[in-house]
C-alpha atoms as a PDB file:
ATOM      1  CA  UNK A   1     215.868  54.217  79.364  1.00  0.00           C
ATOM      2  CA  UNK A   2     219.257  53.443  77.870  1.00  0.00           C
ATOM      3  CA  UNK A   3     219.965  57.190  77.487  1.00  0.00           C
ATOM      4  CA  UNK A   4     219.168  57.719  81.154  1.00  0.00           C
ATOM      5  CA  UNK A   5     221.553  54.980  82.128  1.00  0.00           C
ATOM      6  CA  UNK A   6     224.196  56.494  79.859  1.00  0.00           C
ATOM      7  CA  UNK A   7     223.691  59.764  81.614  1.00  0.00           C
ATOM      8  CA  UNK A   8     224.061  58.142  85.018  1.00  0.00           C
ATOM      9  CA  UNK A   9     227.236  56.321  83.879  1.00  0.00           C
ATOM     10  CA  UNK A  10     228.735  59.562  82.573  1.00  0.00           C
ATOM     11  CA  UNK A  11     228.268  61.239  85.951  1.00  0.00           C
ATOM     12  CA  UNK A  12     231.377  61.923  88.095  1.00  0.00           C
ATOM     13  CA  UNK A  13     232.071  59.215  90.676  1.00  0.00           C
ATOM     14  CA  UNK A  14     231.107  61.534  93.550  1.00  0.00           C
ATOM     15  CA  UNK A  15     227.758  62.352  91.977  1.00  0.00           C
ATOM     16  CA  UNK A  16     227.201  58.772  90.954  1.00  0.00           C
ATOM     17  CA  UNK A  17     227.751  57.781  94.611  1.00  0.00           C
ATOM     18  CA  UNK A  18     225.122  60.308  95.698  1.00  0.00           C
ATOM     19  CA  UNK A  19     222.605  58.876  93.148  1.00  0.00           C
ATOM     20  CA  UNK A  20     223.207  55.272  94.287  1.00  0.00           C
ATOM     21  CA  UNK A  21     222.853  56.393  97.983  1.00  0.00           C
ATOM     22  CA  UNK A  22     219.636  58.278  97.298  1.00  0.00           C
ATOM     23  CA  UNK A  23     218.288  55.024  95.529  1.00  0.00           C
ATOM     24  CA  UNK A  24     219.292  52.935  98.385  1.00  0.00           C
ATOM     25  CA  UNK A  25     217.616  55.261 100.809  1.00  0.00           C
ATOM     26  CA  UNK A  26     214.461  55.300  98.800  1.00  0.00           C
ATOM     27  CA  UNK A  27     214.490  51.526  98.557  1.00  0.00           C
ATOM     28  CA  UNK A  28     215.132  51.248 102.367  1.00  0.00           C
ATOM     29  CA  UNK A  29     212.346  53.634 103.061  1.00  0.00           C
ATOM     30  CA  UNK A  30     209.973  51.756 100.817  1.00  0.00           C
ATOM     31  CA  UNK A  31     211.041  48.404 102.441  1.00  0.00           C
ATOM     32  CA  UNK A  32     210.552  49.843 105.938  1.00  0.00           C
ATOM     33  CA  UNK A  33     207.077  51.247 105.260  1.00  0.00           C
ATOM     34  CA  UNK A  34     205.935  48.230 103.283  1.00  0.00           C
ATOM     35  CA  UNK A  35     207.377  45.325 105.308  1.00  0.00           C
ATOM     36  CA  UNK A  36     209.447  46.261 108.340  1.00  0.00           C
ATOM     37  CA  UNK A  37     206.932  48.629 109.982  1.00  0.00           C
ATOM     38  CA  UNK A  38     204.089  45.931 109.575  1.00  0.00           C
ATOM     39  CA  UNK A  39     206.451  43.322 111.169  1.00  0.00           C
ATOM     40  CA  UNK A  40     207.325  45.679 114.038  1.00  0.00           C
ATOM     41  CA  UNK A  41     203.600  46.391 114.641  1.00  0.00           C
ATOM     42  CA  UNK A  42     202.779  42.742 114.455  1.00  0.00           C
ATOM     43  CA  UNK A  43     205.599  41.859 116.916  1.00  0.00           C
ATOM     44  CA  UNK A  44     204.462  44.610 119.313  1.00  0.00           C
ATOM     45  CA  UNK A  45     200.811  43.344 119.043  1.00  0.00           C
ATOM     46  CA  UNK A  46     201.964  39.841 119.801  1.00  0.00           C
ATOM     47  CA  UNK A  47     203.980  41.107 122.843  1.00  0.00           C
ATOM     48  CA  UNK A  48     200.942  42.957 124.128  1.00  0.00           C
ATOM     49  CA  UNK A  49     198.797  39.863 123.554  1.00  0.00           C
ATOM     50  CA  UNK A  50     201.438  37.794 125.512  1.00  0.00           C
ATOM     51  CA  UNK A  51     201.509  40.340 128.434  1.00  0.00           C
ATOM     52  CA  UNK A  52     197.660  40.308 128.531  1.00  0.00           C
ATOM     53  CA  UNK A  53     197.629  36.586 128.459  1.00  0.00           C
ATOM     54  CA  UNK A  54     200.250  36.440 131.299  1.00  0.00           C
ATOM     55  CA  UNK A  55     198.220  38.990 133.334  1.00  0.00           C
ATOM     56  CA  UNK A  56     195.054  36.911 132.808  1.00  0.00           C
ATOM     57  CA  UNK A  57     196.918  33.764 133.735  1.00  0.00           C
ATOM     58  CA  UNK A  58     198.156  35.505 136.933  1.00  0.00           C
ATOM     59  CA  UNK A  59     194.639  36.542 137.799  1.00  0.00           C
ATOM     60  CA  UNK A  60     193.334  33.147 137.232  1.00  0.00           C
ATOM     61  CA  UNK A  61     196.087  31.662 139.425  1.00  0.00           C
ATOM     62  CA  UNK A  62     195.375  34.243 142.132  1.00  0.00           C
ATOM     63  CA  UNK A  63     191.615  33.297 142.001  1.00  0.00           C
ATOM     64  CA  UNK A  64     192.431  29.649 142.115  1.00  0.00           C
ATOM     65  CA  UNK A  65     194.653  30.243 145.280  1.00  0.00           C
ATOM     66  CA  UNK A  66     191.825  32.305 146.774  1.00  0.00           C
ATOM     67  CA  UNK A  67     189.370  29.586 145.936  1.00  0.00           C
ATOM     68  CA  UNK A  68     191.497  26.871 147.480  1.00  0.00           C
ATOM     69  CA  UNK A  69     192.018  28.960 150.685  1.00  0.00           C
ATOM     70  CA  UNK A  70     188.236  29.613 150.831  1.00  0.00           C
ATOM     71  CA  UNK A  71     187.614  25.824 150.378  1.00  0.00           C
ATOM     72  CA  UNK A  72     190.145  25.018 153.049  1.00  0.00           C
ATOM     73  CA  UNK A  73     188.473  27.581 155.364  1.00  0.00           C
ATOM     74  CA  UNK A  74     184.949  26.170 154.588  1.00  0.00           C
ATOM     75  CA  UNK A  75     186.214  22.538 155.255  1.00  0.00           C
ATOM     76  CA  UNK A  76     187.740  23.631 158.533  1.00  0.00           C
ATOM     77  CA  UNK A  77     184.552  25.562 159.509  1.00  0.00           C
ATOM     78  CA  UNK A  78     182.425  22.425 158.688  1.00  0.00           C
ATOM     79  CA  UNK A  79     184.583  20.307 160.968  1.00  0.00           C
ATOM     80  CA  UNK A  80     184.310  22.801 163.699  1.00  0.00           C
ATOM     81  CA  UNK A  81     180.542  22.891 163.322  1.00  0.00           C
ATOM     82  CA  UNK A  82     180.367  19.165 163.475  1.00  0.00           C
ATOM     83  CA  UNK A  83     182.535  19.302 166.619  1.00  0.00           C
ATOM     84  CA  UNK A  84     180.344  21.905 168.153  1.00  0.00           C
ATOM     85  CA  UNK A  85     177.155  19.823 167.292  1.00  0.00           C
ATOM     86  CA  UNK A  86     178.665  16.919 169.394  1.00  0.00           C
ATOM     87  CA  UNK A  87     179.104  19.385 172.305  1.00  0.00           C
ATOM     88  CA  UNK A  88     175.852  21.296 171.842  1.00  0.00           C
ATOM     89  CA  UNK A  89     173.303  19.411 169.543  1.00  0.00           C
ATOM     90  CA  UNK A  90     170.776  21.143 167.362  1.00  0.00           C
ATOM     91  CA  UNK A  91     167.690  18.932 167.716  1.00  0.00           C
ATOM     92  CA  UNK A  92     165.050  18.036 170.315  1.00  0.00           C
ATOM     93  CA  UNK A  93     166.306  14.484 170.676  1.00  0.00           C
ATOM     94  CA  UNK A  94     169.000  15.791 173.121  1.00  0.00           C
ATOM     95  CA  UNK A  95     167.193  14.456 176.222  1.00  0.00           C
ATOM     96  CA  UNK A  96     166.639  11.107 174.644  1.00  0.00           C
ATOM     97  CA  UNK A  97     170.250  10.894 173.809  1.00  0.00           C
ATOM     98  CA  UNK A  98     171.182  12.069 177.338  1.00  0.00           C
ATOM     99  CA  UNK A  99     168.938   9.378 178.803  1.00  0.00           C
ATOM    100  CA  UNK A 100     170.440   6.634 176.741  1.00  0.00           C
ATOM    101  CA  UNK A 101     173.942   7.826 177.736  1.00  0.00           C
ATOM    102  CA  UNK A 102     173.095   7.928 181.432  1.00  0.00           C
ATOM    103  CA  UNK A 103     171.499   4.473 181.304  1.00  0.00           C
ATOM    104  CA  UNK A 104     174.687   3.100 179.588  1.00  0.00           C
ATOM    105  CA  UNK A 105     176.986   4.620 182.040  1.00  0.00           C
ATOM    106  CA  UNK A 106     174.845   3.588 184.930  1.00  0.00           C
ATOM    107  CA  UNK A 107     174.915  -0.057 183.846  1.00  0.00           C
ATOM    108  CA  UNK A 108     178.688   0.051 183.410  1.00  0.00           C
ATOM    109  CA  UNK A 109     179.260   1.226 187.044  1.00  0.00           C
ATOM    110  CA  UNK A 110     176.235  -0.597 188.667  1.00  0.00           C
ATOM    111  CA  UNK A 111     174.197   2.465 189.575  1.00  0.00           C
ATOM    112  CA  UNK A 112     170.420   2.095 189.301  1.00  0.00           C
ATOM    113  CA  UNK A 113     168.370   5.100 187.938  1.00  0.00           C
ATOM    114  CA  UNK A 114     165.039   4.981 189.762  1.00  0.00           C
ATOM    115  CA  UNK A 115     163.355   8.156 188.486  1.00  0.00           C
ATOM    116  CA  UNK A 116     163.961  10.348 185.497  1.00  0.00           C
ATOM    117  CA  UNK A 117     161.869  13.517 185.427  1.00  0.00           C
ATOM    118  CA  UNK A 118     162.496  16.069 182.540  1.00  0.00           C
ATOM    119  CA  UNK A 119     161.834  19.693 183.484  1.00  0.00           C
ATOM    120  CA  UNK A 120     160.794  22.719 181.403  1.00  0.00           C
ATOM    121  CA  UNK A 121     163.212  23.733 178.609  1.00  0.00           C
ATOM    122  CA  UNK A 122     164.786  27.068 179.497  1.00  0.00           C
ATOM    123  CA  UNK A 123     165.635  29.146 176.298  1.00  0.00           C
ATOM    124  CA  UNK A 124     168.394  31.741 176.259  1.00  0.00           C
ATOM    125  CA  UNK A 125     169.749  33.892 173.439  1.00  0.00           C
ATOM    126  CA  UNK A 126     171.188  31.154 171.243  1.00  0.00           C
ATOM    127  CA  UNK A 127     170.783  27.858 173.279  1.00  0.00           C
ATOM    128  CA  UNK A 128     168.321  26.069 175.430  1.00  0.00           C
ATOM    129  CA  UNK A 129     168.879  24.446 178.778  1.00  0.00           C
ATOM    130  CA  UNK A 130     167.140  21.099 179.334  1.00  0.00           C
ATOM    131  CA  UNK A 131     167.081  20.056 183.009  1.00  0.00           C
ATOM    132  CA  UNK A 132     166.273  16.570 184.231  1.00  0.00           C
ATOM    133  CA  UNK A 133     165.681  15.530 187.898  1.00  0.00           C
ATOM    134  CA  UNK A 134     167.245  12.205 188.636  1.00  0.00           C
ATOM    135  CA  UNK A 135     166.992   9.771 191.539  1.00  0.00           C
ATOM    136  CA  UNK A 136     169.274   6.828 191.720  1.00  0.00           C
ATOM    137  CA  UNK A 137     170.601   4.073 194.020  1.00  0.00           C
ATOM    138  CA  UNK A 138     174.298   3.330 194.305  1.00  0.00           C
ATOM    139  CA  UNK A 139     177.198   2.820 196.522  1.00  0.00           C
ATOM    140  CA  UNK A 140     179.774   5.576 197.254  1.00  0.00           C
ATOM    141  CA  UNK A 141     182.182   4.106 194.637  1.00  0.00           C
ATOM    142  CA  UNK A 142     179.426   3.620 192.125  1.00  0.00           C
ATOM    143  CA  UNK A 143     178.138   7.099 192.472  1.00  0.00           C
ATOM    144  CA  UNK A 144     181.561   8.667 192.325  1.00  0.00           C
ATOM    145  CA  UNK A 145     182.502   6.617 189.140  1.00  0.00           C
ATOM    146  CA  UNK A 146     179.246   7.512 187.457  1.00  0.00           C
ATOM    147  CA  UNK A 147     179.771  11.264 188.100  1.00  0.00           C
ATOM    148  CA  UNK A 148     183.279  11.079 186.833  1.00  0.00           C
ATOM    149  CA  UNK A 149     182.114   9.390 183.625  1.00  0.00           C
ATOM    150  CA  UNK A 150     179.436  12.079 183.073  1.00  0.00           C
ATOM    151  CA  UNK A 151     181.984  14.879 183.485  1.00  0.00           C
ATOM    152  CA  UNK A 152     184.070  13.233 180.849  1.00  0.00           C
ATOM    153  CA  UNK A 153     181.280  13.138 178.122  1.00  0.00           C
ATOM    154  CA  UNK A 154     181.762  15.184 175.002  1.00  0.00           C
ATOM    155  CA  UNK A 155     178.364  16.621 175.189  1.00  0.00           C
ATOM    156  CA  UNK A 156     177.944  19.323 177.843  1.00  0.00           C
ATOM    157  CA  UNK A 157     176.189  18.102 181.002  1.00  0.00           C
ATOM    158  CA  UNK A 158     175.958  20.017 184.209  1.00  0.00           C
ATOM    159  CA  UNK A 159     175.229  18.270 187.508  1.00  0.00           C
ATOM    160  CA  UNK A 160     173.535  20.401 190.179  1.00  0.00           C
ATOM    161  CA  UNK A 161     171.785  20.063 193.496  1.00  0.00           C
ATOM    162  CA  UNK A 162     173.555  16.786 194.307  1.00  0.00           C
ATOM    163  CA  UNK A 163     172.534  15.042 197.520  1.00  0.00           C
ATOM    164  CA  UNK A 164     173.472  11.587 198.863  1.00  0.00           C
ATOM    165  CA  UNK A 165     172.072   9.873 201.821  1.00  0.00           C
ATOM    166  CA  UNK A 166     172.553   6.497 203.305  1.00  0.00           C
ATOM    167  CA  UNK A 167     169.769   4.203 202.346  1.00  0.00           C
ATOM    168  CA  UNK A 168     167.923   2.126 204.900  1.00  0.00           C
ATOM    169  CA  UNK A 169     168.835  -1.528 204.523  1.00  0.00           C
ATOM    170  CA  UNK A 170     166.150  -3.963 203.515  1.00  0.00           C
ATOM    171  CA  UNK A 171     165.399  -6.830 205.957  1.00  0.00           C
ATOM    172  CA  UNK A 172     167.730  -9.753 205.392  1.00  0.00           C
ATOM    173  CA  UNK A 173     170.350  -7.593 203.784  1.00  0.00           C
ATOM    174  CA  UNK A 174     173.497  -8.646 205.695  1.00  0.00           C
ATOM    175  CA  UNK A 175     176.109  -6.942 203.435  1.00  0.00           C
ATOM    176  CA  UNK A 176     178.443  -4.440 204.745  1.00  0.00           C
ATOM    177  CA  UNK A 177     178.224  -2.216 201.658  1.00  0.00           C
ATOM    178  CA  UNK A 178     176.357   1.085 202.341  1.00  0.00           C
ATOM    179  CA  UNK A 179     173.924   2.068 199.588  1.00  0.00           C
ATOM    180  CA  UNK A 180     172.970   5.633 198.978  1.00  0.00           C
ATOM    181  CA  UNK A 181     169.921   7.453 197.742  1.00  0.00           C
ATOM    182  CA  UNK A 182     171.448   9.741 195.169  1.00  0.00           C
ATOM    183  CA  UNK A 183     169.518  12.804 193.819  1.00  0.00           C
ATOM    184  CA  UNK A 184     170.679  15.445 191.446  1.00  0.00           C
ATOM    185  CA  UNK A 185     169.643  17.739 188.521  1.00  0.00           C
ATOM    186  CA  UNK A 186     171.401  16.987 185.210  1.00  0.00           C
ATOM    187  CA  UNK A 187     171.217  19.682 182.567  1.00  0.00           C
ATOM    188  CA  UNK A 188     172.140  19.440 178.974  1.00  0.00           C
ATOM    189  CA  UNK A 189     171.984  22.105 176.296  1.00  0.00           C
ATOM    190  CA  UNK A 190     171.208  22.370 172.536  1.00  0.00           C
ATOM    191  CA  UNK A 191     171.433  25.195 169.927  1.00  0.00           C
ATOM    192  CA  UNK A 192     168.238  27.114 169.055  1.00  0.00           C
ATOM    193  CA  UNK A 193     167.140  26.938 165.432  1.00  0.00           C
ATOM    194  CA  UNK A 194     167.037  30.096 163.416  1.00  0.00           C
ATOM    195  CA  UNK A 195     163.236  30.191 163.736  1.00  0.00           C
ATOM    196  CA  UNK A 196     163.512  29.764 167.514  1.00  0.00           C
ATOM    197  CA  UNK A 197     166.040  32.563 167.812  1.00  0.00           C
ATOM    198  CA  UNK A 198     163.848  34.927 165.651  1.00  0.00           C
ATOM    199  CA  UNK A 199     160.764  34.077 167.825  1.00  0.00           C
ATOM    200  CA  UNK A 200     162.652  34.746 170.935  1.00  0.00           C
ATOM    201  CA  UNK A 201     163.926  38.128 169.742  1.00  0.00           C
ATOM    202  CA  UNK A 202     160.393  38.987 168.744  1.00  0.00           C
ATOM    203  CA  UNK A 203     159.008  38.160 172.335  1.00  0.00           C
ATOM    204  CA  UNK A 204     161.803  40.208 173.915  1.00  0.00           C
ATOM    205  CA  UNK A 205     161.037  43.304 171.649  1.00  0.00           C
ATOM    206  CA  UNK A 206     157.305  42.818 172.386  1.00  0.00           C
ATOM    207  CA  UNK A 207     157.981  42.716 176.112  1.00  0.00           C
ATOM    208  CA  UNK A 208     160.060  45.958 175.977  1.00  0.00           C
ATOM    209  CA  UNK A 209     157.313  47.828 174.017  1.00  0.00           C
ATOM    210  CA  UNK A 210     154.666  46.769 176.602  1.00  0.00           C
ATOM    211  CA  UNK A 211     156.792  47.959 179.469  1.00  0.00           C
ATOM    212  CA  UNK A 212     157.462  51.346 177.742  1.00  0.00           C
ATOM    213  CA  UNK A 213     153.684  51.631 177.033  1.00  0.00           C
ATOM    214  CA  UNK A 214     152.771  50.871 180.623  1.00  0.00           C
END
Protein backbone atom coordinates (compact mmCIF):
# COMPACT_ATOMS: atom_id res chain seq x y z
CA UNK A 1 0.00 0.00 0.00
CA UNK A 2 2.81 2.38 0.92
CA UNK A 3 4.61 1.54 -2.32
CA UNK A 4 1.47 2.36 -4.29
CA UNK A 5 1.20 5.71 -2.53
CA UNK A 6 4.87 6.37 -3.25
CA UNK A 7 4.26 5.59 -6.90
CA UNK A 8 1.35 8.03 -6.97
CA UNK A 9 3.39 10.74 -5.23
CA UNK A 10 6.19 10.34 -7.74
CA UNK A 11 3.83 10.91 -10.67
CA UNK A 12 4.12 14.19 -12.54
CA UNK A 13 1.64 16.83 -11.39
CA UNK A 14 -0.41 16.56 -14.58
CA UNK A 15 -0.82 12.83 -14.25
CA UNK A 16 -1.41 13.15 -10.52
CA UNK A 17 -4.25 15.55 -11.26
CA UNK A 18 -5.75 13.04 -13.66
CA UNK A 19 -5.54 10.33 -10.98
CA UNK A 20 -7.24 12.55 -8.39
CA UNK A 21 -9.89 13.59 -10.92
CA UNK A 22 -10.59 9.99 -11.82
CA UNK A 23 -10.91 9.09 -8.16
CA UNK A 24 -13.27 11.97 -7.58
CA UNK A 25 -15.38 10.91 -10.54
CA UNK A 26 -15.51 7.33 -9.26
CA UNK A 27 -16.49 8.56 -5.79
CA UNK A 28 -19.13 10.86 -7.26
CA UNK A 29 -20.55 8.10 -9.42
CA UNK A 30 -20.69 5.75 -6.46
CA UNK A 31 -22.41 8.43 -4.31
CA UNK A 32 -24.90 9.18 -7.09
CA UNK A 33 -25.92 5.57 -7.63
CA UNK A 34 -25.90 4.66 -3.93
CA UNK A 35 -27.52 7.77 -2.40
CA UNK A 36 -28.53 10.58 -4.77
CA UNK A 37 -30.46 8.43 -7.29
CA UNK A 38 -32.48 6.91 -4.45
CA UNK A 39 -33.16 10.37 -3.05
CA UNK A 40 -34.27 11.67 -6.46
CA UNK A 41 -36.51 8.65 -6.98
CA UNK A 42 -37.98 9.08 -3.51
CA UNK A 43 -38.63 12.77 -4.17
CA UNK A 44 -40.27 12.01 -7.51
CA UNK A 45 -42.41 9.33 -5.87
CA UNK A 46 -43.39 11.84 -3.18
CA UNK A 47 -44.28 14.41 -5.85
CA UNK A 48 -46.41 11.83 -7.68
CA UNK A 49 -48.14 10.97 -4.42
CA UNK A 50 -48.81 14.66 -3.74
CA UNK A 51 -50.19 15.15 -7.27
CA UNK A 52 -52.41 12.08 -6.89
CA UNK A 53 -53.61 13.30 -3.50
CA UNK A 54 -54.37 16.73 -4.99
CA UNK A 55 -56.29 15.11 -7.85
CA UNK A 56 -58.27 12.97 -5.40
CA UNK A 57 -58.95 16.03 -3.25
CA UNK A 58 -60.15 17.96 -6.31
CA UNK A 59 -62.42 15.04 -7.24
CA UNK A 60 -63.82 14.87 -3.70
CA UNK A 61 -64.43 18.63 -3.69
CA UNK A 62 -66.17 18.37 -7.08
CA UNK A 63 -68.37 15.54 -5.77
CA UNK A 64 -69.14 17.59 -2.66
CA UNK A 65 -70.18 20.56 -4.81
CA UNK A 66 -72.31 18.27 -6.98
CA UNK A 67 -73.89 16.71 -3.88
CA UNK A 68 -74.65 20.13 -2.41
CA UNK A 69 -76.15 21.23 -5.73
CA UNK A 70 -78.26 18.06 -5.90
CA UNK A 71 -79.33 18.54 -2.28
CA UNK A 72 -80.36 22.12 -3.03
CA UNK A 73 -82.29 20.94 -6.09
CA UNK A 74 -84.03 18.21 -4.07
CA UNK A 75 -84.95 20.68 -1.32
CA UNK A 76 -86.31 23.10 -3.91
CA UNK A 77 -88.26 20.30 -5.61
CA UNK A 78 -89.75 19.19 -2.27
CA UNK A 79 -90.91 22.75 -1.61
CA UNK A 80 -92.44 22.94 -5.08
CA UNK A 81 -94.19 19.60 -4.51
CA UNK A 82 -95.60 20.82 -1.20
CA UNK A 83 -96.80 24.00 -2.90
CA UNK A 84 -98.38 21.91 -5.67
CA UNK A 85 -100.13 19.73 -3.07
CA UNK A 86 -101.73 22.85 -1.62
CA UNK A 87 -103.11 23.70 -5.07
CA UNK A 88 -103.87 20.15 -6.19
CA UNK A 89 -104.14 17.71 -3.23
CA UNK A 90 -103.32 14.01 -3.45
CA UNK A 91 -105.98 12.32 -1.32
CA UNK A 92 -109.71 11.65 -1.34
CA UNK A 93 -110.32 14.11 1.52
CA UNK A 94 -110.35 16.95 -1.03
CA UNK A 95 -114.16 17.27 -1.03
CA UNK A 96 -114.31 17.24 2.78
CA UNK A 97 -111.68 19.96 2.89
CA UNK A 98 -113.57 21.96 0.26
CA UNK A 99 -116.83 21.67 2.20
CA UNK A 100 -115.19 22.89 5.40
CA UNK A 101 -113.63 25.78 3.47
CA UNK A 102 -116.95 26.74 1.88
CA UNK A 103 -118.76 26.55 5.21
CA UNK A 104 -116.14 28.77 6.83
CA UNK A 105 -116.27 31.37 4.06
CA UNK A 106 -120.08 31.24 4.01
CA UNK A 107 -120.26 31.97 7.74
CA UNK A 108 -117.85 34.88 7.36
CA UNK A 109 -120.00 36.61 4.72
CA UNK A 110 -123.44 35.52 5.96
CA UNK A 111 -124.26 33.18 3.06
CA UNK A 112 -126.33 30.09 3.93
CA UNK A 113 -125.52 26.81 2.16
CA UNK A 114 -128.80 24.89 1.89
CA UNK A 115 -127.76 21.93 -0.23
CA UNK A 116 -124.44 20.23 -0.95
CA UNK A 117 -124.53 17.39 -3.50
CA UNK A 118 -121.20 15.80 -4.57
CA UNK A 119 -121.15 14.50 -8.15
CA UNK A 120 -119.22 11.64 -9.74
CA UNK A 121 -115.45 12.02 -9.83
CA UNK A 122 -114.14 12.59 -13.36
CA UNK A 123 -110.64 11.17 -13.91
CA UNK A 124 -108.28 12.60 -16.50
CA UNK A 125 -104.66 11.66 -17.36
CA UNK A 126 -103.04 12.76 -14.10
CA UNK A 127 -105.78 14.45 -12.10
CA UNK A 128 -109.41 13.99 -11.11
CA UNK A 129 -112.17 16.59 -11.16
CA UNK A 130 -114.58 16.50 -8.21
CA UNK A 131 -117.79 18.47 -8.89
CA UNK A 132 -120.31 19.53 -6.24
CA UNK A 133 -123.77 21.01 -6.84
CA UNK A 134 -124.46 23.78 -4.32
CA UNK A 135 -127.65 25.66 -3.46
CA UNK A 136 -127.41 28.66 -1.15
CA UNK A 137 -129.27 31.71 0.11
CA UNK A 138 -127.63 35.14 0.21
CA UNK A 139 -127.95 38.81 -0.62
CA UNK A 140 -126.25 40.27 -3.69
CA UNK A 141 -123.39 41.55 -1.57
CA UNK A 142 -123.00 38.26 0.35
CA UNK A 143 -122.98 36.18 -2.84
CA UNK A 144 -120.45 38.44 -4.55
CA UNK A 145 -118.13 38.45 -1.51
CA UNK A 146 -118.40 34.67 -1.14
CA UNK A 147 -117.45 34.11 -4.79
CA UNK A 148 -114.57 36.58 -4.48
CA UNK A 149 -113.19 34.69 -1.48
CA UNK A 150 -113.50 31.36 -3.30
CA UNK A 151 -111.56 32.73 -6.27
CA UNK A 152 -108.74 33.77 -3.91
CA UNK A 153 -108.26 30.29 -2.40
CA UNK A 154 -104.90 28.55 -2.81
CA UNK A 155 -106.64 25.32 -3.79
CA UNK A 156 -107.99 25.31 -7.34
CA UNK A 157 -111.78 25.71 -7.36
CA UNK A 158 -113.85 26.27 -10.50
CA UNK A 159 -117.33 27.81 -10.24
CA UNK A 160 -119.62 26.94 -13.17
CA UNK A 161 -123.31 27.12 -14.08
CA UNK A 162 -123.93 30.02 -11.72
CA UNK A 163 -127.52 31.23 -11.43
CA UNK A 164 -129.07 33.76 -9.03
CA UNK A 165 -132.78 34.51 -8.72
CA UNK A 166 -134.66 36.78 -6.35
CA UNK A 167 -136.15 34.79 -3.51
CA UNK A 168 -139.79 35.17 -2.57
CA UNK A 169 -140.13 36.96 0.74
CA UNK A 170 -141.55 35.12 3.69
CA UNK A 171 -144.71 36.46 5.26
CA UNK A 172 -143.91 39.10 7.84
CA UNK A 173 -140.52 39.95 6.27
CA UNK A 174 -140.58 43.74 6.02
CA UNK A 175 -136.87 44.20 5.22
CA UNK A 176 -135.86 45.94 2.03
CA UNK A 177 -132.96 43.57 1.42
CA UNK A 178 -133.44 41.31 -1.58
CA UNK A 179 -132.42 37.71 -0.91
CA UNK A 180 -131.32 35.41 -3.68
CA UNK A 181 -131.48 31.72 -4.46
CA UNK A 182 -127.91 31.00 -5.56
CA UNK A 183 -127.07 27.81 -7.42
CA UNK A 184 -123.75 26.78 -8.95
CA UNK A 185 -121.41 23.89 -9.52
CA UNK A 186 -118.09 24.07 -7.68
CA UNK A 187 -115.33 21.76 -8.88
CA UNK A 188 -112.04 21.04 -7.19
CA UNK A 189 -109.23 18.75 -8.31
CA UNK A 190 -106.73 16.24 -6.97
CA UNK A 191 -103.68 14.40 -8.30
CA UNK A 192 -104.19 10.76 -9.23
CA UNK A 193 -102.04 8.24 -7.40
CA UNK A 194 -99.54 6.10 -9.34
CA UNK A 195 -101.89 3.12 -9.06
CA UNK A 196 -104.81 5.16 -10.41
CA UNK A 197 -102.76 6.45 -13.34
CA UNK A 198 -101.62 2.92 -14.19
CA UNK A 199 -105.19 1.62 -14.01
CA UNK A 200 -106.42 4.47 -16.20
CA UNK A 201 -103.74 3.74 -18.84
CA UNK A 202 -104.70 0.07 -18.79
CA UNK A 203 -108.36 0.90 -19.39
CA UNK A 204 -107.51 3.19 -22.31
CA UNK A 205 -105.30 0.52 -23.92
CA UNK A 206 -108.02 -2.09 -23.45
CA UNK A 207 -110.57 0.19 -25.07
CA UNK A 208 -108.34 0.77 -28.09
CA UNK A 209 -107.80 -2.97 -28.53
CA UNK A 210 -111.55 -3.64 -28.43
CA UNK A 211 -112.22 -0.95 -31.03
CA UNK A 212 -109.55 -2.41 -33.34
CA UNK A 213 -110.93 -5.90 -32.86
CA UNK A 214 -114.45 -4.69 -33.64
